[in-house]
Amino acid sequence: MKDIITKLAAYNPGNIDSNTIGGGDLGNDIITILNGIVGILAVVCVIVVVVGGVNYMTSAGDAGKVKKAKDTILYAVIGLIVCALAATIVNFVIANLPGIKK
């Protein structure tokens, strides 16, 4: 019984393959997930900018449609900047936490 307890106490799940999510390295897991989300959001922002550009080109000079198209492009760019800043801040915090290795 003592041998089993000693083996359980020495068990470290962090020694599992750390190249995949769930490998025991919380910092890398969070950064991997965050980078995936930022990549998806970047593609969405590019699509929204293209939609705003198409709306701008097809507005035929209507002031309301032009304003809406410009606002769409502006909000997509602002969203992309906020997303990039959030990813940078999280990466910085994760890299500087003393208990989490990167």
PDB file of N, CA and C in Angstrom:
ATOM      1  N   MET A   1       0.828  -1.198   0.000  1.00  0.00           N
ATOM      2  CA  MET A   1       0.000   0.000   0.000  1.00  0.00           C
ATOM      3  C   MET A   1       0.870   1.259   0.000  1.00  0.00           C
ATOM      4  N   LYS A   2       1.957   1.217   0.790  1.00  0.00           N
ATOM      5  CA  LYS A   2       2.851   2.366   0.871  1.00  0.00           C
ATOM      6  C   LYS A   2       3.487   2.630  -0.492  1.00  0.00           C
ATOM      7  N   ASP A   3       3.798   1.570  -1.239  1.00  0.00           N
ATOM      8  CA  ASP A   3       4.403   1.704  -2.561  1.00  0.00           C
ATOM      9  C   ASP A   3       3.444   2.393  -3.538  1.00  0.00           C
ATOM     10  N   ILE A   4       2.187   2.063  -3.482  1.00  0.00           N
ATOM     11  CA  ILE A   4       1.185   2.671  -4.358  1.00  0.00           C
ATOM     12  C   ILE A   4       1.029   4.154  -4.038  1.00  0.00           C
ATOM     13  N   ILE A   5       0.960   4.491  -2.764  1.00  0.00           N
ATOM     14  CA  ILE A   5       0.822   5.891  -2.354  1.00  0.00           C
ATOM     15  C   ILE A   5       2.043   6.693  -2.792  1.00  0.00           C
ATOM     16  N   THR A   6       3.235   6.119  -2.672  1.00  0.00           N
ATOM     17  CA  THR A   6       4.454   6.804  -3.097  1.00  0.00           C
ATOM     18  C   THR A   6       4.438   7.056  -4.602  1.00  0.00           C
ATOM     19  N   LYS A   7       4.003   6.070  -5.381  1.00  0.00           N
ATOM     20  CA  LYS A   7       3.933   6.246  -6.829  1.00  0.00           C
ATOM     21  C   LYS A   7       2.893   7.296  -7.218  1.00  0.00           C
ATOM     22  N   LEU A   8       1.759   7.311  -6.540  1.00  0.00           N
ATOM     23  CA  LEU A   8       0.732   8.319  -6.827  1.00  0.00           C
ATOM     24  C   LEU A   8       1.211   9.708  -6.448  1.00  0.00           C
ATOM     25  N   ALA A   9       1.938   9.827  -5.358  1.00  0.00           N
ATOM     26  CA  ALA A   9       2.438  11.125  -4.927  1.00  0.00           C
ATOM     27  C   ALA A   9       3.493  11.655  -5.894  1.00  0.00           C
ATOM     28  N   ALA A  10       4.238  10.766  -6.539  1.00  0.00           N
ATOM     29  CA  ALA A  10       5.289  11.178  -7.466  1.00  0.00           C
ATOM     30  C   ALA A  10       4.760  11.385  -8.877  1.00  0.00           C
ATOM     31  N   TYR A  11       3.491  11.065  -9.132  1.00  0.00           N
ATOM     32  CA  TYR A  11       2.923  11.189 -10.477  1.00  0.00           C
ATOM     33  C   TYR A  11       2.855  12.650 -10.878  1.00  0.00           C
ATOM     34  N   ASN A  12       3.350  12.971 -12.047  1.00  0.00           N
ATOM     35  CA  ASN A  12       3.344  14.336 -12.552  1.00  0.00           C
ATOM     36  C   ASN A  12       2.724  14.331 -13.945  1.00  0.00           C
ATOM     37  N   PRO A  13       1.476  14.792 -14.078  1.00  0.00           N
ATOM     38  CA  PRO A  13       0.841  14.769 -15.401  1.00  0.00           C
ATOM     39  C   PRO A  13       1.485  15.732 -16.388  1.00  0.00           C
ATOM     40  N   GLY A  14       2.363  16.616 -15.911  1.00  0.00           N
ATOM     41  CA  GLY A  14       3.046  17.547 -16.803  1.00  0.00           C
ATOM     42  C   GLY A  14       4.075  16.865 -17.689  1.00  0.00           C
ATOM     43  N   ASN A  15       4.403  15.620 -17.426  1.00  0.00           N
ATOM     44  CA  ASN A  15       5.374  14.910 -18.240  1.00  0.00           C
ATOM     45  C   ASN A  15       4.756  14.249 -19.454  1.00  0.00           C
ATOM     46  N   ILE A  16       3.467  14.381 -19.621  1.00  0.00           N
ATOM     47  CA  ILE A  16       2.805  13.863 -20.818  1.00  0.00           C
ATOM     48  C   ILE A  16       3.255  14.731 -21.990  1.00  0.00           C
ATOM     49  N   ASP A  17       3.050  14.281 -23.193  1.00  0.00           N
ATOM     50  CA  ASP A  17       3.479  15.009 -24.390  1.00  0.00           C
ATOM     51  C   ASP A  17       3.039  16.466 -24.301  1.00  0.00           C
ATOM     52  N   SER A  18       4.008  17.372 -24.148  1.00  0.00           N
ATOM     53  CA  SER A  18       3.679  18.777 -23.947  1.00  0.00           C
ATOM     54  C   SER A  18       3.530  19.527 -25.262  1.00  0.00           C
ATOM     55  N   ASN A  19       3.567  18.844 -26.397  1.00  0.00           N
ATOM     56  CA  ASN A  19       3.389  19.502 -27.680  1.00  0.00           C
ATOM     57  C   ASN A  19       1.923  19.625 -28.066  1.00  0.00           C
ATOM     58  N   THR A  20       1.048  19.003 -27.309  1.00  0.00           N
ATOM     59  CA  THR A  20      -0.373  19.054 -27.621  1.00  0.00           C
ATOM     60  C   THR A  20      -1.110  19.758 -26.500  1.00  0.00           C
ATOM     61  N   ILE A  21      -2.309  20.194 -26.770  1.00  0.00           N
ATOM     62  CA  ILE A  21      -3.127  20.816 -25.733  1.00  0.00           C
ATOM     63  C   ILE A  21      -3.462  19.763 -24.697  1.00  0.00           C
ATOM     64  N   GLY A  22      -3.360  20.141 -23.445  1.00  0.00           N
ATOM     65  CA  GLY A  22      -3.632  19.227 -22.367  1.00  0.00           C
ATOM     66  C   GLY A  22      -2.394  18.479 -21.910  1.00  0.00           C
ATOM     67  N   GLY A  23      -1.235  18.897 -22.387  1.00  0.00           N
ATOM     68  CA  GLY A  23       0.001  18.232 -22.028  1.00  0.00           C
ATOM     69  C   GLY A  23       0.558  18.665 -20.699  1.00  0.00           C
ATOM     70  N   GLY A  24      -0.142  19.490 -19.958  1.00  0.00           N
ATOM     71  CA  GLY A  24       0.311  19.890 -18.646  1.00  0.00           C
ATOM     72  C   GLY A  24       0.944  21.266 -18.609  1.00  0.00           C
ATOM     73  N   ASP A  25       1.167  21.902 -19.732  1.00  0.00           N
ATOM     74  CA  ASP A  25       1.767  23.224 -19.760  1.00  0.00           C
ATOM     75  C   ASP A  25       0.664  24.247 -20.032  1.00  0.00           C
ATOM     76  N   LEU A  26       0.141  24.806 -18.974  1.00  0.00           N
ATOM     77  CA  LEU A  26      -1.015  25.697 -19.072  1.00  0.00           C
ATOM     78  C   LEU A  26      -0.714  26.930 -19.908  1.00  0.00           C
ATOM     79  N   GLY A  27       0.472  27.499 -19.762  1.00  0.00           N
ATOM     80  CA  GLY A  27       0.825  28.698 -20.515  1.00  0.00           C
ATOM     81  C   GLY A  27       0.787  28.474 -22.009  1.00  0.00           C
ATOM     82  N   ASN A  28       1.396  27.376 -22.459  1.00  0.00           N
ATOM     83  CA  ASN A  28       1.379  27.075 -23.893  1.00  0.00           C
ATOM     84  C   ASN A  28      -0.019  26.752 -24.385  1.00  0.00           C
ATOM     85  N   ASP A  29      -0.826  26.089 -23.557  1.00  0.00           N
ATOM     86  CA  ASP A  29      -2.197  25.776 -23.950  1.00  0.00           C
ATOM     87  C   ASP A  29      -3.003  27.057 -24.179  1.00  0.00           C
ATOM     88  N   ILE A  30      -2.881  27.992 -23.249  1.00  0.00           N
ATOM     89  CA  ILE A  30      -3.629  29.252 -23.369  1.00  0.00           C
ATOM     90  C   ILE A  30      -3.165  30.030 -24.598  1.00  0.00           C
ATOM     91  N   ILE A  31      -1.862  30.094 -24.808  1.00  0.00           N
ATOM     92  CA  ILE A  31      -1.334  30.832 -25.958  1.00  0.00           C
ATOM     93  C   ILE A  31      -1.763  30.169 -27.269  1.00  0.00           C
ATOM     94  N   THR A  32      -1.769  28.852 -27.321  1.00  0.00           N
ATOM     95  CA  THR A  32      -2.196  28.143 -28.532  1.00  0.00           C
ATOM     96  C   THR A  32      -3.659  28.424 -28.850  1.00  0.00           C
ATOM     97  N   ILE A  33      -4.498  28.347 -27.837  1.00  0.00           N
ATOM     98  CA  ILE A  33      -5.929  28.623 -28.037  1.00  0.00           C
ATOM     99  C   ILE A  33      -6.140  30.077 -28.444  1.00  0.00           C
ATOM    100  N   LEU A  34      -5.454  30.993 -27.771  1.00  0.00           N
ATOM    101  CA  LEU A  34      -5.594  32.418 -28.074  1.00  0.00           C
ATOM    102  C   LEU A  34      -5.142  32.732 -29.496  1.00  0.00           C
ATOM    103  N   ASN A  35      -4.035  32.164 -29.925  1.00  0.00           N
ATOM    104  CA  ASN A  35      -3.558  32.409 -31.289  1.00  0.00           C
ATOM    105  C   ASN A  35      -4.535  31.863 -32.328  1.00  0.00           C
ATOM    106  N   GLY A  36      -5.169  30.749 -32.040  1.00  0.00           N
ATOM    107  CA  GLY A  36      -6.190  30.228 -32.948  1.00  0.00           C
ATOM    108  C   GLY A  36      -7.390  31.155 -33.057  1.00  0.00           C
ATOM    109  N   ILE A  37      -7.824  31.664 -31.903  1.00  0.00           N
ATOM    110  CA  ILE A  37      -8.965  32.587 -31.894  1.00  0.00           C
ATOM    111  C   ILE A  37      -8.622  33.873 -32.632  1.00  0.00           C
ATOM    112  N   VAL A  38      -7.426  34.411 -32.395  1.00  0.00           N
ATOM    113  CA  VAL A  38      -7.015  35.650 -33.067  1.00  0.00           C
ATOM    114  C   VAL A  38      -6.925  35.428 -34.572  1.00  0.00           C
ATOM    115  N   GLY A  39      -6.443  34.279 -34.998  1.00  0.00           N
ATOM    116  CA  GLY A  39      -6.379  33.981 -36.428  1.00  0.00           C
ATOM    117  C   GLY A  39      -7.755  33.947 -37.067  1.00  0.00           C
ATOM    118  N   ILE A  40      -8.698  33.316 -36.383  1.00  0.00           N
ATOM    119  CA  ILE A  40     -10.074  33.257 -36.899  1.00  0.00           C
ATOM    120  C   ILE A  40     -10.675  34.664 -36.963  1.00  0.00           C
ATOM    121  N   LEU A  41     -10.460  35.456 -35.905  1.00  0.00           N
ATOM    122  CA  LEU A  41     -11.008  36.811 -35.884  1.00  0.00           C
ATOM    123  C   LEU A  41     -10.357  37.701 -36.936  1.00  0.00           C
ATOM    124  N   ALA A  42      -9.096  37.481 -37.248  1.00  0.00           N
ATOM    125  CA  ALA A  42      -8.439  38.256 -38.303  1.00  0.00           C
ATOM    126  C   ALA A  42      -9.086  37.964 -39.651  1.00  0.00           C
ATOM    127  N   VAL A  43      -9.399  36.707 -39.902  1.00  0.00           N
ATOM    128  CA  VAL A  43     -10.069  36.353 -41.166  1.00  0.00           C
ATOM    129  C   VAL A  43     -11.456  36.999 -41.213  1.00  0.00           C
ATOM    130  N   VAL A  44     -12.171  36.981 -40.094  1.00  0.00           N
ATOM    131  CA  VAL A  44     -13.493  37.609 -40.043  1.00  0.00           C
ATOM    132  C   VAL A  44     -13.384  39.113 -40.302  1.00  0.00           C
ATOM    133  N   CYS A  45     -12.370  39.760 -39.729  1.00  0.00           N
ATOM    134  CA  CYS A  45     -12.191  41.199 -39.948  1.00  0.00           C
ATOM    135  C   CYS A  45     -11.899  41.513 -41.408  1.00  0.00           C
ATOM    136  N   VAL A  46     -11.094  40.699 -42.055  1.00  0.00           N
ATOM    137  CA  VAL A  46     -10.808  40.914 -43.476  1.00  0.00           C
ATOM    138  C   VAL A  46     -12.081  40.762 -44.296  1.00  0.00           C
ATOM    139  N   ILE A  47     -12.895  39.779 -43.973  1.00  0.00           N
ATOM    140  CA  ILE A  47     -14.162  39.584 -44.691  1.00  0.00           C
ATOM    141  C   ILE A  47     -15.084  40.789 -44.483  1.00  0.00           C
ATOM    142  N   VAL A  48     -15.129  41.304 -43.248  1.00  0.00           N
ATOM    143  CA  VAL A  48     -15.984  42.463 -42.970  1.00  0.00           C
ATOM    144  C   VAL A  48     -15.470  43.692 -43.716  1.00  0.00           C
ATOM    145  N   VAL A  49     -14.152  43.868 -43.812  1.00  0.00           N
ATOM    146  CA  VAL A  49     -13.596  44.994 -44.576  1.00  0.00           C
ATOM    147  C   VAL A  49     -13.975  44.864 -46.045  1.00  0.00           C
ATOM    148  N   VAL A  50     -13.915  43.657 -46.593  1.00  0.00           N
ATOM    149  CA  VAL A  50     -14.296  43.448 -47.996  1.00  0.00           C
ATOM    150  C   VAL A  50     -15.778  43.755 -48.196  1.00  0.00           C
ATOM    151  N   VAL A  51     -16.609  43.310 -47.270  1.00  0.00           N
ATOM    152  CA  VAL A  51     -18.049  43.603 -47.364  1.00  0.00           C
ATOM    153  C   VAL A  51     -18.282  45.108 -47.295  1.00  0.00           C
ATOM    154  N   GLY A  52     -17.584  45.787 -46.396  1.00  0.00           N
ATOM    155  CA  GLY A  52     -17.708  47.244 -46.303  1.00  0.00           C
ATOM    156  C   GLY A  52     -17.251  47.921 -47.583  1.00  0.00           C
ATOM    157  N   GLY A  53     -16.178  47.411 -48.183  1.00  0.00           N
ATOM    158  CA  GLY A  53     -15.705  47.971 -49.455  1.00  0.00           C
ATOM    159  C   GLY A  53     -16.701  47.775 -50.584  1.00  0.00           C
ATOM    160  N   VAL A  54     -17.310  46.601 -50.628  1.00  0.00           N
ATOM    161  CA  VAL A  54     -18.327  46.343 -51.654  1.00  0.00           C
ATOM    162  C   VAL A  54     -19.530  47.259 -51.439  1.00  0.00           C
ATOM    163  N   ASN A  55     -19.934  47.421 -50.189  1.00  0.00           N
ATOM    164  CA  ASN A  55     -21.054  48.330 -49.899  1.00  0.00           C
ATOM    165  C   ASN A  55     -20.713  49.761 -50.279  1.00  0.00           C
ATOM    166  N   TYR A  56     -19.464  50.150 -50.060  1.00  0.00           N
ATOM    167  CA  TYR A  56     -19.030  51.500 -50.417  1.00  0.00           C
ATOM    168  C   TYR A  56     -19.059  51.699 -51.931  1.00  0.00           C
ATOM    169  N   MET A  57     -18.582  50.680 -52.651  1.00  0.00           N
ATOM    170  CA  MET A  57     -18.546  50.800 -54.111  1.00  0.00           C
ATOM    171  C   MET A  57     -19.936  50.769 -54.738  1.00  0.00           C
ATOM    172  N   THR A  58     -20.875  50.083 -54.087  1.00  0.00           N
ATOM    173  CA  THR A  58     -22.221  49.977 -54.657  1.00  0.00           C
ATOM    174  C   THR A  58     -23.205  50.974 -54.045  1.00  0.00           C
ATOM    175  N   SER A  59     -22.688  51.922 -53.278  1.00  0.00           N
ATOM    176  CA  SER A  59     -23.598  52.880 -52.628  1.00  0.00           C
ATOM    177  C   SER A  59     -24.184  53.895 -53.600  1.00  0.00           C
ATOM    178  N   ALA A  60     -23.590  54.049 -54.756  1.00  0.00           N
ATOM    179  CA  ALA A  60     -24.082  54.959 -55.806  1.00  0.00           C
ATOM    180  C   ALA A  60     -24.231  56.384 -55.305  1.00  0.00           C
ATOM    181  N   GLY A  61     -23.348  56.784 -54.403  1.00  0.00           N
ATOM    182  CA  GLY A  61     -23.353  58.160 -53.931  1.00  0.00           C
ATOM    183  C   GLY A  61     -24.368  58.464 -52.850  1.00  0.00           C
ATOM    184  N   ASP A  62     -25.158  57.500 -52.409  1.00  0.00           N
ATOM    185  CA  ASP A  62     -26.128  57.709 -51.340  1.00  0.00           C
ATOM    186  C   ASP A  62     -25.357  57.936 -50.025  1.00  0.00           C
ATOM    187  N   ALA A  63     -25.570  59.104 -49.434  1.00  0.00           N
ATOM    188  CA  ALA A  63     -24.794  59.496 -48.254  1.00  0.00           C
ATOM    189  C   ALA A  63     -24.977  58.525 -47.086  1.00  0.00           C
ATOM    190  N   GLY A  64     -26.169  58.012 -46.891  1.00  0.00           N
ATOM    191  CA  GLY A  64     -26.432  57.072 -45.803  1.00  0.00           C
ATOM    192  C   GLY A  64     -25.685  55.758 -45.989  1.00  0.00           C
ATOM    193  N   LYS A  65     -25.685  55.262 -47.231  1.00  0.00           N
ATOM    194  CA  LYS A  65     -24.983  54.008 -47.513  1.00  0.00           C
ATOM    195  C   LYS A  65     -23.470  54.182 -47.428  1.00  0.00           C
ATOM    196  N   VAL A  66     -22.978  55.335 -47.870  1.00  0.00           N
ATOM    197  CA  VAL A  66     -21.540  55.599 -47.796  1.00  0.00           C
ATOM    198  C   VAL A  66     -21.095  55.638 -46.343  1.00  0.00           C
ATOM    199  N   LYS A  67     -21.863  56.327 -45.493  1.00  0.00           N
ATOM    200  CA  LYS A  67     -21.509  56.419 -44.076  1.00  0.00           C
ATOM    201  C   LYS A  67     -21.536  55.035 -43.425  1.00  0.00           C
ATOM    202  N   LYS A  68     -22.553  54.247 -43.745  1.00  0.00           N
ATOM    203  CA  LYS A  68     -22.649  52.901 -43.175  1.00  0.00           C
ATOM    204  C   LYS A  68     -21.467  52.033 -43.615  1.00  0.00           C
ATOM    205  N   ALA A  69     -21.060  52.135 -44.883  1.00  0.00           N
ATOM    206  CA  ALA A  69     -19.935  51.356 -45.393  1.00  0.00           C
ATOM    207  C   ALA A  69     -18.629  51.792 -44.724  1.00  0.00           C
ATOM    208  N   LYS A  70     -18.423  53.086 -44.577  1.00  0.00           N
ATOM    209  CA  LYS A  70     -17.210  53.580 -43.916  1.00  0.00           C
ATOM    210  C   LYS A  70     -17.178  53.155 -42.453  1.00  0.00           C
ATOM    211  N   ASP A  71     -18.321  53.199 -41.791  1.00  0.00           N
ATOM    212  CA  ASP A  71     -18.381  52.755 -40.395  1.00  0.00           C
ATOM    213  C   ASP A  71     -18.079  51.260 -40.275  1.00  0.00           C
ATOM    214  N   THR A  72     -18.562  50.474 -41.235  1.00  0.00           N
ATOM    215  CA  THR A  72     -18.291  49.036 -41.222  1.00  0.00           C
ATOM    216  C   THR A  72     -16.795  48.771 -41.331  1.00  0.00           C
ATOM    217  N   ILE A  73     -16.126  49.462 -42.237  1.00  0.00           N
ATOM    218  CA  ILE A  73     -14.679  49.294 -42.400  1.00  0.00           C
ATOM    219  C   ILE A  73     -13.942  49.763 -41.147  1.00  0.00           C
ATOM    220  N   LEU A  74     -14.346  50.886 -40.601  1.00  0.00           N
ATOM    221  CA  LEU A  74     -13.699  51.432 -39.406  1.00  0.00           C
ATOM    222  C   LEU A  74     -13.849  50.478 -38.227  1.00  0.00           C
ATOM    223  N   TYR A  75     -15.038  49.948 -38.013  1.00  0.00           N
ATOM    224  CA  TYR A  75     -15.268  49.048 -36.877  1.00  0.00           C
ATOM    225  C   TYR A  75     -14.515  47.727 -37.045  1.00  0.00           C
ATOM    226  N   ALA A  76     -14.372  47.262 -38.275  1.00  0.00           N
ATOM    227  CA  ALA A  76     -13.604  46.036 -38.511  1.00  0.00           C
ATOM    228  C   ALA A  76     -12.130  46.258 -38.182  1.00  0.00           C
ATOM    229  N   VAL A  77     -11.585  47.386 -38.573  1.00  0.00           N
ATOM    230  CA  VAL A  77     -10.180  47.692 -38.277  1.00  0.00           C
ATOM    231  C   VAL A  77      -9.980  47.873 -36.775  1.00  0.00           C
ATOM    232  N   ILE A  78     -10.897  48.563 -36.109  1.00  0.00           N
ATOM    233  CA  ILE A  78     -10.808  48.736 -34.658  1.00  0.00           C
ATOM    234  C   ILE A  78     -10.890  47.378 -33.960  1.00  0.00           C
ATOM    235  N   GLY A  79     -11.773  46.523 -34.417  1.00  0.00           N
ATOM    236  CA  GLY A  79     -11.884  45.187 -33.841  1.00  0.00           C
ATOM    237  C   GLY A  79     -10.607  44.389 -33.999  1.00  0.00           C
ATOM    238  N   LEU A  80      -9.970  44.492 -35.144  1.00  0.00           N
ATOM    239  CA  LEU A  80      -8.710  43.790 -35.378  1.00  0.00           C
ATOM    240  C   LEU A  80      -7.609  44.325 -34.465  1.00  0.00           C
ATOM    241  N   ILE A  81      -7.565  45.631 -34.263  1.00  0.00           N
ATOM    242  CA  ILE A  81      -6.561  46.229 -33.376  1.00  0.00           C
ATOM    243  C   ILE A  81      -6.794  45.786 -31.935  1.00  0.00           C
ATOM    244  N   VAL A  82      -8.049  45.795 -31.485  1.00  0.00           N
ATOM    245  CA  VAL A  82      -8.360  45.364 -30.117  1.00  0.00           C
ATOM    246  C   VAL A  82      -7.989  43.894 -29.927  1.00  0.00           C
ATOM    247  N   CYS A  83      -8.268  43.089 -30.911  1.00  0.00           N
ATOM    248  CA  CYS A  83      -7.945  41.664 -30.846  1.00  0.00           C
ATOM    249  C   CYS A  83      -6.432  41.454 -30.755  1.00  0.00           C
ATOM    250  N   ALA A  84      -5.675  42.160 -31.556  1.00  0.00           N
ATOM    251  CA  ALA A  84      -4.217  42.033 -31.533  1.00  0.00           C
ATOM    252  C   ALA A  84      -3.647  42.516 -30.203  1.00  0.00           C
ATOM    253  N   LEU A  85      -4.182  43.602 -29.676  1.00  0.00           N
ATOM    254  CA  LEU A  85      -3.715  44.103 -28.378  1.00  0.00           C
ATOM    255  C   LEU A  85      -4.043  43.122 -27.262  1.00  0.00           C
ATOM    256  N   ALA A  86      -5.218  42.538 -27.300  1.00  0.00           N
ATOM    257  CA  ALA A  86      -5.596  41.564 -26.275  1.00  0.00           C
ATOM    258  C   ALA A  86      -4.665  40.351 -26.315  1.00  0.00           C
ATOM    259  N   ALA A  87      -4.359  39.879 -27.502  1.00  0.00           N
ATOM    260  CA  ALA A  87      -3.451  38.737 -27.634  1.00  0.00           C
ATOM    261  C   ALA A  87      -2.063  39.095 -27.127  1.00  0.00           C
ATOM    262  N   THR A  88      -1.596  40.289 -27.431  1.00  0.00           N
ATOM    263  CA  THR A  88      -0.281  40.724 -26.972  1.00  0.00           C
ATOM    264  C   THR A  88      -0.233  40.816 -25.455  1.00  0.00           C
ATOM    265  N   ILE A  89      -1.269  41.370 -24.854  1.00  0.00           N
ATOM    266  CA  ILE A  89      -1.312  41.505 -23.397  1.00  0.00           C
ATOM    267  C   ILE A  89      -1.339  40.130 -22.728  1.00  0.00           C
ATOM    268  N   VAL A  90      -2.159  39.229 -23.236  1.00  0.00           N
ATOM    269  CA  VAL A  90      -2.237  37.895 -22.639  1.00  0.00           C
ATOM    270  C   VAL A  90      -0.913  37.157 -22.797  1.00  0.00           C
ATOM    271  N   ASN A  91      -0.281  37.244 -23.965  1.00  0.00           N
ATOM    272  CA  ASN A  91       1.021  36.612 -24.157  1.00  0.00           C
ATOM    273  C   ASN A  91       2.059  37.183 -23.193  1.00  0.00           C
ATOM    274  N   PHE A  92       2.037  38.484 -22.980  1.00  0.00           N
ATOM    275  CA  PHE A  92       2.979  39.126 -22.062  1.00  0.00           C
ATOM    276  C   PHE A  92       2.749  38.666 -20.628  1.00  0.00           C
ATOM    277  N   VAL A  93       1.492  38.621 -20.218  1.00  0.00           N
ATOM    278  CA  VAL A  93       1.172  38.211 -18.849  1.00  0.00           C
ATOM    279  C   VAL A  93       1.552  36.747 -18.631  1.00  0.00           C
ATOM    280  N   ILE A  94       1.215  35.883 -19.583  1.00  0.00           N
ATOM    281  CA  ILE A  94       1.540  34.460 -19.449  1.00  0.00           C
ATOM    282  C   ILE A  94       3.055  34.270 -19.370  1.00  0.00           C
ATOM    283  N   ALA A  95       3.799  35.008 -20.189  1.00  0.00           N
ATOM    284  CA  ALA A  95       5.255  34.852 -20.208  1.00  0.00           C
ATOM    285  C   ALA A  95       5.892  35.315 -18.901  1.00  0.00           C
ATOM    286  N   ASN A  96       5.241  36.219 -18.184  1.00  0.00           N
ATOM    287  CA  ASN A  96       5.836  36.778 -16.977  1.00  0.00           C
ATOM    288  C   ASN A  96       5.245  36.239 -15.679  1.00  0.00           C
ATOM    289  N   LEU A  97       4.335  35.289 -15.752  1.00  0.00           N
ATOM    290  CA  LEU A  97       3.825  34.684 -14.530  1.00  0.00           C
ATOM    291  C   LEU A  97       4.871  33.729 -13.976  1.00  0.00           C
ATOM    292  N   PRO A  98       5.139  33.818 -12.683  1.00  0.00           N
ATOM    293  CA  PRO A  98       6.194  32.970 -12.152  1.00  0.00           C
ATOM    294  C   PRO A  98       5.813  31.490 -12.058  1.00  0.00           C
ATOM    295  N   GLY A  99       4.561  31.155 -11.900  1.00  0.00           N
ATOM    296  CA  GLY A  99       4.166  29.760 -11.719  1.00  0.00           C
ATOM    297  C   GLY A  99       3.911  29.008 -12.992  1.00  0.00           C
ATOM    298  N   ILE A 100       3.828  29.709 -14.135  1.00  0.00           N
ATOM    299  CA  ILE A 100       3.505  29.059 -15.409  1.00  0.00           C
ATOM    300  C   ILE A 100       4.709  29.175 -16.326  1.00  0.00           C
ATOM    301  N   LYS A 101       5.176  28.030 -16.798  1.00  0.00           N
ATOM    302  CA  LYS A 101       6.309  28.064 -17.713  1.00  0.00           C
ATOM    303  C   LYS A 101       5.810  28.192 -19.140  1.00  0.00           C
ATOM    304  N   LYS A 102       6.607  28.825 -19.955  1.00  0.00           N
ATOM    305  CA  LYS A 102       6.238  28.999 -21.350  1.00  0.00           C
ATOM    306  C   LYS A 102       7.154  28.200 -22.216  1.00  0.00           C
TER     307      LYS A 102
END
